[in-house]
Amino acid sequence: MTPGSEIRFVHKHMGLVPGWGGGARLVRIVGSSAALQLLGGAVRVDPERARSLGLAEETLPSSDGAGALREARAWLSQYTEGPTAVIRAVKKVVTAGRELPLEAALRTEKDIFGTVWGGPANLQALVGRPKHK
């Protein structure tokens, strides 16, 4: 988020509720009480409150369009730069850990690990940055 920005769930003003899982995900992120306030009251959420609720990680310094976009891209790059297969695998591991019972999540993690072990990104990392010399 940027200084002066806000998040607001205006669904009720449009005669709607969130669709496609947005409401359920909001409850998991902020809890049922806060979700009810946000959805039922169409409350304006500033960057500070968004961070405290878990809706935002940080506030970027710029508030102008070009600067904010540049800062957002730089911030986002820490999560998006790298081997696509590994980034996809990380997301799957986290999703399994969040949504599955522990035993199923552990099995899923093991299976996903097998898709990247010995793969191109793993081999390149071993050649380029050996852990032990």
C-alpha atoms as a PDB file:
ATOM      1  CA  MET A   1       0.000   0.000   0.000  1.00  0.00           C
ATOM      2  CA  THR A   2       1.029   3.618  -0.292  1.00  0.00           C
ATOM      3  CA  PRO A   3       0.465   6.529   2.091  1.00  0.00           C
ATOM      4  CA  GLY A   4      -3.106   7.756   1.732  1.00  0.00           C
ATOM      5  CA  SER A   5      -4.349   4.585   0.028  1.00  0.00           C
ATOM      6  CA  GLU A   6      -7.158   2.448   1.381  1.00  0.00           C
ATOM      7  CA  ILE A   7      -8.813  -0.917   1.089  1.00  0.00           C
ATOM      8  CA  ARG A   8     -12.568  -1.003   1.138  1.00  0.00           C
ATOM      9  CA  PHE A   9     -14.989  -3.858   0.561  1.00  0.00           C
ATOM     10  CA  VAL A  10     -17.971  -2.141  -1.113  1.00  0.00           C
ATOM     11  CA  HIS A  11     -19.868  -5.265  -2.103  1.00  0.00           C
ATOM     12  CA  LYS A  12     -22.914  -4.490   0.026  1.00  0.00           C
ATOM     13  CA  HIS A  13     -23.295  -1.092  -1.663  1.00  0.00           C
ATOM     14  CA  MET A  14     -23.495  -2.954  -4.954  1.00  0.00           C
ATOM     15  CA  GLY A  15     -26.083  -5.416  -3.628  1.00  0.00           C
ATOM     16  CA  LEU A  16     -23.514  -8.205  -3.565  1.00  0.00           C
ATOM     17  CA  VAL A  17     -21.328 -10.312  -1.329  1.00  0.00           C
ATOM     18  CA  PRO A  18     -17.806 -11.429  -2.234  1.00  0.00           C
ATOM     19  CA  GLY A  19     -17.684 -14.241  -4.721  1.00  0.00           C
ATOM     20  CA  TRP A  20     -15.140 -16.777  -5.837  1.00  0.00           C
ATOM     21  CA  GLY A  21     -13.882 -17.364  -2.279  1.00  0.00           C
ATOM     22  CA  GLY A  22     -13.041 -13.781  -1.329  1.00  0.00           C
ATOM     23  CA  GLY A  23     -15.228 -13.762   1.774  1.00  0.00           C
ATOM     24  CA  ALA A  24     -13.960 -17.105   3.042  1.00  0.00           C
ATOM     25  CA  ARG A  25     -10.361 -16.042   2.470  1.00  0.00           C
ATOM     26  CA  LEU A  26     -10.976 -12.738   4.243  1.00  0.00           C
ATOM     27  CA  VAL A  27     -12.306 -14.598   7.302  1.00  0.00           C
ATOM     28  CA  ARG A  28      -9.177 -16.772   7.356  1.00  0.00           C
ATOM     29  CA  ILE A  29      -6.918 -13.711   7.137  1.00  0.00           C
ATOM     30  CA  VAL A  30      -8.590 -11.300   9.571  1.00  0.00           C
ATOM     31  CA  GLY A  31     -10.989 -13.483  11.584  1.00  0.00           C
ATOM     32  CA  SER A  32     -14.779 -13.548  11.533  1.00  0.00           C
ATOM     33  CA  SER A  33     -15.356 -10.450  13.669  1.00  0.00           C
ATOM     34  CA  ALA A  34     -13.111  -8.185  11.584  1.00  0.00           C
ATOM     35  CA  ALA A  35     -14.450  -9.694   8.334  1.00  0.00           C
ATOM     36  CA  LEU A  36     -17.996  -8.922   9.435  1.00  0.00           C
ATOM     37  CA  GLN A  37     -16.991  -5.312  10.175  1.00  0.00           C
ATOM     38  CA  LEU A  38     -15.150  -4.915   6.870  1.00  0.00           C
ATOM     39  CA  LEU A  39     -17.839  -6.503   4.711  1.00  0.00           C
ATOM     40  CA  GLY A  40     -20.898  -5.359   6.645  1.00  0.00           C
ATOM     41  CA  GLY A  41     -19.734  -1.804   7.210  1.00  0.00           C
ATOM     42  CA  ALA A  42     -17.792  -1.208   3.990  1.00  0.00           C
ATOM     43  CA  VAL A  43     -15.184   0.277   6.343  1.00  0.00           C
ATOM     44  CA  ARG A  44     -12.264   2.222   4.890  1.00  0.00           C
ATOM     45  CA  VAL A  45      -9.007   0.522   5.899  1.00  0.00           C
ATOM     46  CA  ASP A  46      -5.887   2.699   5.915  1.00  0.00           C
ATOM     47  CA  PRO A  47      -2.378   1.234   5.516  1.00  0.00           C
ATOM     48  CA  GLU A  48      -1.731   1.033   9.269  1.00  0.00           C
ATOM     49  CA  ARG A  49      -4.910  -0.917   9.978  1.00  0.00           C
ATOM     50  CA  ALA A  50      -4.389  -3.054   6.877  1.00  0.00           C
ATOM     51  CA  ARG A  51      -0.990  -4.100   8.222  1.00  0.00           C
ATOM     52  CA  SER A  52      -2.385  -4.844  11.679  1.00  0.00           C
ATOM     53  CA  LEU A  53      -5.147  -6.997  10.154  1.00  0.00           C
ATOM     54  CA  GLY A  54      -2.768  -8.871   7.876  1.00  0.00           C
ATOM     55  CA  LEU A  55      -4.171  -7.381   4.657  1.00  0.00           C
ATOM     56  CA  ALA A  56      -0.900  -5.632   3.781  1.00  0.00           C
ATOM     57  CA  GLU A  57       2.737  -6.292   4.595  1.00  0.00           C
ATOM     58  CA  GLU A  58       4.089  -2.785   4.445  1.00  0.00           C
ATOM     59  CA  THR A  59       3.521   0.754   3.238  1.00  0.00           C
ATOM     60  CA  LEU A  60       5.773   1.860   0.428  1.00  0.00           C
ATOM     61  CA  PRO A  61       7.198   5.388   0.719  1.00  0.00           C
ATOM     62  CA  SER A  62       5.919   6.927  -2.533  1.00  0.00           C
ATOM     63  CA  SER A  63       2.361   8.038  -3.005  1.00  0.00           C
ATOM     64  CA  ASP A  64       2.711   9.269  -6.596  1.00  0.00           C
ATOM     65  CA  GLY A  65       1.753   6.879  -9.377  1.00  0.00           C
ATOM     66  CA  ALA A  66       5.100   6.290 -11.107  1.00  0.00           C
ATOM     67  CA  GLY A  67       7.158   6.123  -7.916  1.00  0.00           C
ATOM     68  CA  ALA A  68       4.683   3.865  -6.172  1.00  0.00           C
ATOM     69  CA  LEU A  69       4.560   1.522  -9.154  1.00  0.00           C
ATOM     70  CA  ARG A  70       8.368   1.340  -9.284  1.00  0.00           C
ATOM     71  CA  GLU A  71       8.566   0.623  -5.532  1.00  0.00           C
ATOM     72  CA  ALA A  72       5.793  -1.972  -5.732  1.00  0.00           C
ATOM     73  CA  ARG A  73       7.563  -3.786  -8.556  1.00  0.00           C
ATOM     74  CA  ALA A  74      10.848  -3.755  -6.629  1.00  0.00           C
ATOM     75  CA  TRP A  75       9.122  -5.079  -3.495  1.00  0.00           C
ATOM     76  CA  LEU A  76       7.222  -7.732  -5.416  1.00  0.00           C
ATOM     77  CA  SER A  77      10.333  -8.896  -7.269  1.00  0.00           C
ATOM     78  CA  GLN A  78      11.665 -10.568  -4.111  1.00  0.00           C
ATOM     79  CA  TYR A  79       8.768 -13.025  -4.417  1.00  0.00           C
ATOM     80  CA  THR A  80       8.521 -13.342  -8.188  1.00  0.00           C
ATOM     81  CA  GLU A  81      12.112 -13.457  -9.432  1.00  0.00           C
ATOM     82  CA  GLY A  82      13.583 -16.899  -9.648  1.00  0.00           C
ATOM     83  CA  PRO A  83      12.846 -20.235 -11.233  1.00  0.00           C
ATOM     84  CA  THR A  84       9.150 -20.516 -12.034  1.00  0.00           C
ATOM     85  CA  ALA A  85       8.987 -24.187 -11.050  1.00  0.00           C
ATOM     86  CA  VAL A  86      10.437 -23.436  -7.601  1.00  0.00           C
ATOM     87  CA  ILE A  87       8.143 -20.459  -6.972  1.00  0.00           C
ATOM     88  CA  ARG A  88       5.158 -22.580  -8.004  1.00  0.00           C
ATOM     89  CA  ALA A  89       6.339 -25.400  -5.699  1.00  0.00           C
ATOM     90  CA  VAL A  90       6.711 -23.009  -2.754  1.00  0.00           C
ATOM     91  CA  LYS A  91       3.146 -21.796  -3.263  1.00  0.00           C
ATOM     92  CA  LYS A  92       1.862 -25.372  -3.366  1.00  0.00           C
ATOM     93  CA  VAL A  93       3.711 -26.283  -0.146  1.00  0.00           C
ATOM     94  CA  VAL A  94       2.300 -23.246   1.667  1.00  0.00           C
ATOM     95  CA  THR A  95      -1.223 -23.891   0.376  1.00  0.00           C
ATOM     96  CA  ALA A  96      -1.045 -27.535   1.449  1.00  0.00           C
ATOM     97  CA  GLY A  97       0.237 -26.509   4.876  1.00  0.00           C
ATOM     98  CA  ARG A  98      -2.639 -24.096   5.272  1.00  0.00           C
ATOM     99  CA  GLU A  99      -5.481 -26.177   3.880  1.00  0.00           C
ATOM    100  CA  LEU A 100      -4.702 -29.832   4.531  1.00  0.00           C
ATOM    101  CA  PRO A 101      -4.497 -31.844   7.735  1.00  0.00           C
ATOM    102  CA  LEU A 102      -0.880 -32.136   8.897  1.00  0.00           C
ATOM    103  CA  GLU A 103      -0.277 -35.687   7.645  1.00  0.00           C
ATOM    104  CA  ALA A 104      -1.630 -34.884   4.191  1.00  0.00           C
ATOM    105  CA  ALA A 105       0.356 -31.642   4.088  1.00  0.00           C
ATOM    106  CA  LEU A 106       3.556 -33.521   4.952  1.00  0.00           C
ATOM    107  CA  ARG A 107       2.936 -36.064   2.175  1.00  0.00           C
ATOM    108  CA  THR A 108       2.174 -33.276  -0.284  1.00  0.00           C
ATOM    109  CA  GLU A 109       5.343 -31.416   0.688  1.00  0.00           C
ATOM    110  CA  LYS A 110       7.391 -34.574   0.149  1.00  0.00           C
ATOM    111  CA  ASP A 111       5.811 -35.087  -3.276  1.00  0.00           C
ATOM    112  CA  ILE A 112       6.410 -31.469  -4.296  1.00  0.00           C
ATOM    113  CA  PHE A 113      10.025 -31.656  -3.093  1.00  0.00           C
ATOM    114  CA  GLY A 114      10.510 -34.540  -5.503  1.00  0.00           C
ATOM    115  CA  THR A 115       9.471 -32.354  -8.430  1.00  0.00           C
ATOM    116  CA  VAL A 116      12.304 -29.855  -7.868  1.00  0.00           C
ATOM    117  CA  TRP A 117      15.071 -32.074  -6.422  1.00  0.00           C
ATOM    118  CA  GLY A 118      17.614 -32.614  -9.157  1.00  0.00           C
ATOM    119  CA  GLY A 119      15.726 -30.265 -11.440  1.00  0.00           C
ATOM    120  CA  PRO A 120      17.339 -27.503 -13.490  1.00  0.00           C
ATOM    121  CA  ALA A 121      17.127 -24.841 -10.754  1.00  0.00           C
ATOM    122  CA  ASN A 122      18.522 -27.211  -8.105  1.00  0.00           C
ATOM    123  CA  LEU A 123      21.422 -28.315 -10.303  1.00  0.00           C
ATOM    124  CA  GLN A 124      22.238 -24.754 -11.345  1.00  0.00           C
ATOM    125  CA  ALA A 125      22.241 -23.648  -7.700  1.00  0.00           C
ATOM    126  CA  LEU A 126      24.600 -26.481  -6.765  1.00  0.00           C
ATOM    127  CA  VAL A 127      27.034 -25.563  -9.529  1.00  0.00           C
ATOM    128  CA  GLY A 128      26.843 -21.830  -8.992  1.00  0.00           C
ATOM    129  CA  ARG A 129      26.819 -21.735  -5.213  1.00  0.00           C
ATOM    130  CA  PRO A 130      28.180 -24.925  -3.704  1.00  0.00           C
ATOM    131  CA  LYS A 131      27.315 -25.259  -0.040  1.00  0.00           C
ATOM    132  CA  HIS A 132      30.503 -27.184   0.753  1.00  0.00           C
ATOM    133  CA  LYS A 133      33.811 -26.731  -1.012  1.00  0.00           C
END
